[in-house]
Each structure stands twice: as C-alpha cells, then as structure tokens.
N, C-alpha and C. Protein backbone atom coordinates (compact mmCIF):
# COMPACT_ATOMS: atom_id res chain seq x y z
N MET A 1 37.59 -24.19 -32.77
CA MET A 1 36.75 -24.48 -31.63
C MET A 1 35.68 -23.40 -31.53
N ALA A 2 34.40 -23.81 -31.40
CA ALA A 2 33.28 -22.87 -31.32
C ALA A 2 33.28 -22.20 -29.96
N ARG A 3 33.02 -20.88 -29.95
CA ARG A 3 33.09 -20.15 -28.68
C ARG A 3 31.73 -19.63 -28.23
N GLY A 4 30.88 -19.20 -29.12
CA GLY A 4 29.63 -18.59 -28.70
C GLY A 4 28.44 -19.38 -29.17
N GLY A 5 27.30 -18.78 -29.03
CA GLY A 5 26.09 -19.41 -29.53
C GLY A 5 25.31 -20.13 -28.44
N TYR A 6 24.35 -20.90 -28.89
CA TYR A 6 23.43 -21.59 -28.00
C TYR A 6 24.12 -22.74 -27.29
N ARG A 7 23.88 -22.83 -25.99
CA ARG A 7 24.38 -23.95 -25.20
C ARG A 7 23.19 -24.57 -24.48
N PRO A 8 22.94 -25.86 -24.67
CA PRO A 8 21.80 -26.49 -24.02
C PRO A 8 21.91 -26.39 -22.50
N GLY A 9 20.80 -26.01 -21.85
CA GLY A 9 20.77 -25.93 -20.39
C GLY A 9 21.31 -24.63 -19.83
N ALA A 10 21.79 -23.72 -20.68
CA ALA A 10 22.35 -22.46 -20.19
C ALA A 10 21.24 -21.43 -20.01
N GLY A 11 21.49 -20.46 -19.17
CA GLY A 11 20.55 -19.37 -18.97
C GLY A 11 19.60 -19.61 -17.80
N ARG A 12 18.72 -18.69 -17.65
CA ARG A 12 17.76 -18.74 -16.54
C ARG A 12 16.74 -19.85 -16.79
N PRO A 13 16.42 -20.64 -15.77
CA PRO A 13 15.45 -21.72 -15.97
C PRO A 13 14.05 -21.15 -16.21
N LYS A 14 13.26 -21.86 -17.00
CA LYS A 14 11.90 -21.45 -17.30
C LYS A 14 11.04 -21.58 -16.05
N LYS A 15 10.05 -20.71 -15.94
CA LYS A 15 9.13 -20.75 -14.81
C LYS A 15 8.26 -21.99 -14.96
N SER A 16 8.14 -22.73 -13.90
CA SER A 16 7.34 -23.95 -13.98
C SER A 16 6.30 -23.94 -12.86
N GLY A 17 5.26 -24.69 -13.07
CA GLY A 17 4.21 -24.82 -12.06
C GLY A 17 3.14 -23.77 -12.21
N GLY A 18 1.94 -24.13 -11.87
CA GLY A 18 0.83 -23.19 -11.90
C GLY A 18 0.32 -22.95 -13.30
N PRO A 19 -0.89 -22.44 -13.41
CA PRO A 19 -1.45 -22.16 -14.73
C PRO A 19 -0.80 -20.93 -15.36
N THR A 20 -0.76 -20.94 -16.67
CA THR A 20 -0.21 -19.79 -17.38
C THR A 20 -1.26 -18.70 -17.47
N LYS A 21 -0.83 -17.53 -17.89
CA LYS A 21 -1.76 -16.40 -18.02
C LYS A 21 -2.84 -16.71 -19.05
N ALA A 22 -2.46 -17.36 -20.14
CA ALA A 22 -3.43 -17.70 -21.18
C ALA A 22 -4.46 -18.68 -20.65
N GLU A 23 -4.03 -19.63 -19.84
CA GLU A 23 -4.97 -20.60 -19.26
C GLU A 23 -5.95 -19.90 -18.31
N LEU A 24 -5.45 -18.96 -17.50
CA LEU A 24 -6.32 -18.22 -16.59
C LEU A 24 -7.33 -17.37 -17.36
N GLU A 25 -6.87 -16.72 -18.43
CA GLU A 25 -7.77 -15.90 -19.24
C GLU A 25 -8.83 -16.76 -19.90
N ALA A 26 -8.46 -17.96 -20.37
CA ALA A 26 -9.43 -18.85 -20.98
C ALA A 26 -10.47 -19.31 -19.96
N GLU A 27 -10.03 -19.58 -18.75
CA GLU A 27 -10.96 -19.99 -17.69
C GLU A 27 -11.94 -18.87 -17.36
N ILE A 28 -11.45 -17.66 -17.29
CA ILE A 28 -12.31 -16.51 -17.00
C ILE A 28 -13.31 -16.30 -18.13
N ALA A 29 -12.86 -16.43 -19.37
CA ALA A 29 -13.75 -16.26 -20.52
C ALA A 29 -14.85 -17.32 -20.51
N ARG A 30 -14.49 -18.56 -20.15
CA ARG A 30 -15.50 -19.62 -20.06
C ARG A 30 -16.54 -19.28 -18.99
N ASP A 31 -16.08 -18.78 -17.85
CA ASP A 31 -17.00 -18.44 -16.77
C ASP A 31 -17.90 -17.27 -17.16
N PHE A 32 -17.37 -16.28 -17.90
CA PHE A 32 -18.19 -15.16 -18.36
C PHE A 32 -19.33 -15.68 -19.23
N ALA A 33 -18.97 -16.55 -20.18
CA ALA A 33 -19.97 -17.08 -21.09
C ALA A 33 -20.98 -17.96 -20.34
N LYS A 34 -20.49 -18.68 -19.36
CA LYS A 34 -21.34 -19.62 -18.61
C LYS A 34 -22.38 -18.88 -17.77
N TYR A 35 -21.96 -17.84 -17.07
CA TYR A 35 -22.85 -17.16 -16.13
C TYR A 35 -23.40 -15.84 -16.66
N GLY A 36 -22.85 -15.27 -17.70
CA GLY A 36 -23.32 -14.01 -18.25
C GLY A 36 -23.12 -12.84 -17.30
N LEU A 37 -21.96 -12.78 -16.66
CA LEU A 37 -21.66 -11.72 -15.69
C LEU A 37 -20.73 -10.68 -16.30
N THR A 38 -20.77 -9.48 -15.73
CA THR A 38 -19.77 -8.48 -16.09
C THR A 38 -18.46 -8.85 -15.39
N PRO A 39 -17.33 -8.31 -15.83
CA PRO A 39 -16.08 -8.66 -15.17
C PRO A 39 -16.07 -8.34 -13.68
N LEU A 40 -16.63 -7.22 -13.28
CA LEU A 40 -16.65 -6.88 -11.86
C LEU A 40 -17.54 -7.84 -11.08
N GLU A 41 -18.70 -8.18 -11.63
CA GLU A 41 -19.59 -9.14 -10.97
C GLU A 41 -18.90 -10.48 -10.82
N TYR A 42 -18.16 -10.89 -11.86
CA TYR A 42 -17.44 -12.16 -11.81
C TYR A 42 -16.37 -12.13 -10.71
N MET A 43 -15.59 -11.03 -10.64
CA MET A 43 -14.55 -10.95 -9.62
C MET A 43 -15.15 -11.00 -8.22
N LEU A 44 -16.28 -10.31 -8.03
CA LEU A 44 -16.92 -10.33 -6.71
C LEU A 44 -17.49 -11.71 -6.40
N ALA A 45 -18.02 -12.41 -7.42
CA ALA A 45 -18.55 -13.75 -7.20
C ALA A 45 -17.44 -14.72 -6.80
N VAL A 46 -16.30 -14.65 -7.48
CA VAL A 46 -15.17 -15.53 -7.13
C VAL A 46 -14.65 -15.18 -5.74
N MET A 47 -14.57 -13.89 -5.45
CA MET A 47 -14.06 -13.45 -4.16
C MET A 47 -14.94 -13.95 -3.02
N ASN A 48 -16.25 -14.01 -3.23
CA ASN A 48 -17.18 -14.43 -2.18
C ASN A 48 -17.47 -15.92 -2.19
N ASP A 49 -16.86 -16.66 -3.11
CA ASP A 49 -17.09 -18.11 -3.20
C ASP A 49 -16.18 -18.84 -2.20
N PRO A 50 -16.74 -19.48 -1.16
CA PRO A 50 -15.90 -20.15 -0.16
C PRO A 50 -15.22 -21.41 -0.70
N THR A 51 -15.68 -21.96 -1.82
CA THR A 51 -15.06 -23.17 -2.35
C THR A 51 -13.87 -22.86 -3.25
N ALA A 52 -13.69 -21.60 -3.63
CA ALA A 52 -12.58 -21.21 -4.51
C ALA A 52 -11.27 -21.24 -3.72
N ASP A 53 -10.17 -21.38 -4.45
CA ASP A 53 -8.84 -21.37 -3.85
C ASP A 53 -8.58 -20.00 -3.21
N ASN A 54 -7.98 -19.99 -2.03
CA ASN A 54 -7.73 -18.74 -1.31
C ASN A 54 -6.86 -17.78 -2.10
N GLU A 55 -5.86 -18.30 -2.78
CA GLU A 55 -4.98 -17.43 -3.57
C GLU A 55 -5.77 -16.75 -4.69
N ARG A 56 -6.65 -17.50 -5.32
CA ARG A 56 -7.47 -16.94 -6.40
C ARG A 56 -8.43 -15.89 -5.84
N ARG A 57 -9.02 -16.15 -4.69
CA ARG A 57 -9.93 -15.20 -4.06
C ARG A 57 -9.18 -13.90 -3.73
N ASP A 58 -7.95 -14.03 -3.25
CA ASP A 58 -7.15 -12.85 -2.93
C ASP A 58 -6.86 -12.02 -4.19
N ARG A 59 -6.51 -12.70 -5.27
CA ARG A 59 -6.21 -11.99 -6.52
C ARG A 59 -7.45 -11.26 -7.04
N MET A 60 -8.60 -11.88 -6.92
CA MET A 60 -9.84 -11.24 -7.37
C MET A 60 -10.19 -10.04 -6.49
N ALA A 61 -9.93 -10.15 -5.19
CA ALA A 61 -10.20 -9.02 -4.30
C ALA A 61 -9.30 -7.84 -4.64
N ILE A 62 -8.03 -8.12 -4.93
CA ILE A 62 -7.10 -7.06 -5.30
C ILE A 62 -7.51 -6.42 -6.62
N ALA A 63 -7.94 -7.24 -7.57
CA ALA A 63 -8.33 -6.72 -8.88
C ALA A 63 -9.63 -5.91 -8.81
N ALA A 64 -10.55 -6.28 -7.93
CA ALA A 64 -11.85 -5.60 -7.86
C ALA A 64 -11.81 -4.35 -7.00
N ALA A 65 -10.84 -4.24 -6.11
CA ALA A 65 -10.81 -3.13 -5.15
C ALA A 65 -10.85 -1.74 -5.79
N PRO A 66 -10.10 -1.45 -6.85
CA PRO A 66 -10.15 -0.10 -7.42
C PRO A 66 -11.52 0.29 -7.99
N TYR A 67 -12.33 -0.70 -8.36
CA TYR A 67 -13.64 -0.42 -8.94
C TYR A 67 -14.72 -0.25 -7.87
N VAL A 68 -14.45 -0.73 -6.66
CA VAL A 68 -15.45 -0.69 -5.60
C VAL A 68 -15.14 0.41 -4.58
N HIS A 69 -13.87 0.62 -4.28
CA HIS A 69 -13.48 1.58 -3.24
C HIS A 69 -12.58 2.66 -3.83
N ALA A 70 -12.79 3.91 -3.39
CA ALA A 70 -11.92 5.00 -3.81
C ALA A 70 -10.63 4.97 -3.00
N ARG A 71 -9.58 5.51 -3.56
CA ARG A 71 -8.32 5.58 -2.83
C ARG A 71 -8.44 6.57 -1.68
N ALA A 72 -7.82 6.26 -0.59
CA ALA A 72 -7.89 7.13 0.58
C ALA A 72 -7.15 8.44 0.33
N ASP A 73 -6.05 8.40 -0.40
CA ASP A 73 -5.27 9.62 -0.63
C ASP A 73 -5.82 10.46 -1.78
N ALA A 74 -6.85 9.98 -2.48
CA ALA A 74 -7.43 10.76 -3.57
C ALA A 74 -8.17 11.98 -3.03
N GLU A 75 -8.65 11.90 -1.80
CA GLU A 75 -9.40 13.01 -1.22
C GLU A 75 -8.49 14.09 -0.64
N LYS A 76 -7.27 13.73 -0.29
CA LYS A 76 -6.35 14.69 0.31
C LYS A 76 -5.78 15.60 -0.76
N LYS A 77 -5.54 16.83 -0.38
CA LYS A 77 -4.93 17.78 -1.30
C LYS A 77 -3.45 17.91 -0.98
N GLY A 78 -2.68 18.15 -2.02
CA GLY A 78 -1.26 18.34 -1.85
C GLY A 78 -0.93 19.76 -1.43
N LYS A 79 0.34 20.04 -1.24
CA LYS A 79 0.78 21.37 -0.80
C LYS A 79 0.42 22.44 -1.82
N LYS A 80 0.60 22.13 -3.09
CA LYS A 80 0.31 23.13 -4.12
C LYS A 80 -1.17 23.46 -4.15
N GLU A 81 -2.03 22.45 -4.05
CA GLU A 81 -3.47 22.70 -4.05
C GLU A 81 -3.89 23.49 -2.82
N GLN A 82 -3.29 23.19 -1.66
CA GLN A 82 -3.62 23.93 -0.44
C GLN A 82 -3.19 25.39 -0.56
N ARG A 83 -2.00 25.63 -1.10
CA ARG A 83 -1.53 27.01 -1.28
C ARG A 83 -2.42 27.77 -2.25
N GLN A 84 -2.81 27.12 -3.35
CA GLN A 84 -3.67 27.76 -4.33
C GLN A 84 -5.02 28.11 -3.71
N GLU A 85 -5.57 27.21 -2.93
CA GLU A 85 -6.85 27.47 -2.28
C GLU A 85 -6.74 28.62 -1.28
N THR A 86 -5.67 28.65 -0.51
CA THR A 86 -5.45 29.74 0.44
C THR A 86 -5.30 31.07 -0.28
N ALA A 87 -4.56 31.08 -1.39
CA ALA A 87 -4.38 32.31 -2.16
C ALA A 87 -5.70 32.80 -2.74
N GLU A 88 -6.52 31.90 -3.21
CA GLU A 88 -7.82 32.30 -3.76
C GLU A 88 -8.72 32.87 -2.67
N ARG A 89 -8.69 32.27 -1.49
CA ARG A 89 -9.52 32.78 -0.39
C ARG A 89 -9.07 34.17 0.02
N SER A 90 -7.76 34.38 0.15
CA SER A 90 -7.28 35.69 0.59
C SER A 90 -7.45 36.75 -0.50
N ALA A 91 -7.44 36.34 -1.76
CA ALA A 91 -7.59 37.31 -2.84
C ALA A 91 -9.05 37.69 -3.06
N SER A 92 -9.97 36.90 -2.55
CA SER A 92 -11.38 37.20 -2.79
C SER A 92 -11.88 38.34 -1.89
N SER A 93 -11.18 38.64 -0.81
CA SER A 93 -11.59 39.74 0.06
C SER A 93 -10.35 40.36 0.68
N GLY A 94 -10.51 41.57 1.20
CA GLY A 94 -9.40 42.21 1.87
C GLY A 94 -8.67 43.19 0.98
N ARG A 95 -7.46 43.50 1.38
CA ARG A 95 -6.67 44.53 0.74
C ARG A 95 -6.30 44.19 -0.71
N PHE A 96 -6.03 42.92 -0.96
CA PHE A 96 -5.58 42.52 -2.29
C PHE A 96 -6.68 41.97 -3.17
N ALA A 97 -7.92 42.21 -2.79
CA ALA A 97 -9.05 41.73 -3.59
C ALA A 97 -9.13 42.50 -4.90
N VAL A 98 -9.67 41.85 -5.90
CA VAL A 98 -9.85 42.48 -7.20
C VAL A 98 -11.00 43.46 -7.05
N PRO A 99 -10.79 44.74 -7.42
CA PRO A 99 -11.87 45.71 -7.26
C PRO A 99 -13.00 45.45 -8.24
N SER A 100 -14.19 45.89 -7.86
CA SER A 100 -15.34 45.72 -8.75
C SER A 100 -15.19 46.68 -9.93
N PRO A 101 -15.74 46.31 -11.07
CA PRO A 101 -15.60 47.19 -12.24
C PRO A 101 -16.41 48.46 -12.05
N PRO A 102 -16.07 49.53 -12.78
CA PRO A 102 -16.83 50.79 -12.64
C PRO A 102 -18.25 50.65 -13.14
N LYS A 103 -19.14 51.37 -12.49
CA LYS A 103 -20.54 51.31 -12.86
C LYS A 103 -20.75 52.27 -14.03
N LEU A 104 -21.28 51.77 -15.12
CA LEU A 104 -21.49 52.58 -16.31
C LEU A 104 -22.90 53.17 -16.25
N VAL A 105 -22.98 54.47 -16.43
CA VAL A 105 -24.27 55.17 -16.38
C VAL A 105 -24.49 55.82 -17.74
N VAL A 106 -25.66 55.63 -18.27
CA VAL A 106 -26.01 56.23 -19.56
C VAL A 106 -26.78 57.52 -19.27
N ASN A 107 -26.30 58.63 -19.81
CA ASN A 107 -26.94 59.93 -19.61
C ASN A 107 -27.53 60.36 -20.94
N ASN A 108 -28.82 60.13 -21.13
CA ASN A 108 -29.48 60.49 -22.38
C ASN A 108 -30.14 61.88 -22.31
N GLY A 109 -30.13 62.54 -21.17
CA GLY A 109 -30.82 63.81 -20.99
C GLY A 109 -30.02 65.01 -21.48
N SER A 110 -28.77 64.97 -21.78
CA SER A 110 -28.07 66.18 -22.15
C SER A 110 -27.92 66.35 -23.62
C-alpha cells in the first residue's frame, strides 16, 4: 500500500481571483509605451485619475510616496547622534578643548 507522495487536492489551495503580478507588469509596460512617461509620472497619473479603480489608485499612492515625500523620522537624530553632537560641542571650547598648536618662529638673525 502506497503511503507518501502526491495526493490530488491536498495542500494549500492556490490563490484565485484578481490579476497576477505578471499581468499587472504587462499592463504597466503597455501604458509606459503608450504615454511615454517615467515610472513616477505614471504612478502619479494613475493616482490622480478619477476613473481608475480605488484599490489601484491606493497602491500607486503607496508606491509613489517614498519618491515624493521624505520620511518624517529621517530628520530626527537618535541618542547616539545626539550624544556625539553634545560631546563635540563641549570639546570645542572649555576645559577639555584641544589646545592650539605651538606657534613656530623662525629666528634667522643669530
């Protein structure tokens, strides 16, 4: 009696419904060729098109956001950067500042 191997209908069901990734990529490539747009221009055009499907407009907005807007947390400094900056400021003046080098004088008269 066979124990292992392939069993018809076993396993996780295949994903069904909706266009595949290859179909979406082909559609985008057709639109690029049709309109002669850069990828960012295309994403913005689809995002601003009121006749496009809302789900597609949302996906284009998410995809275009990193190219149009900077991250809010990119401007903030972390604890290590803040400590380093504070240390540099305190070391530039005060008791622990690096002393200036000695002034070299040339004495050609003797």
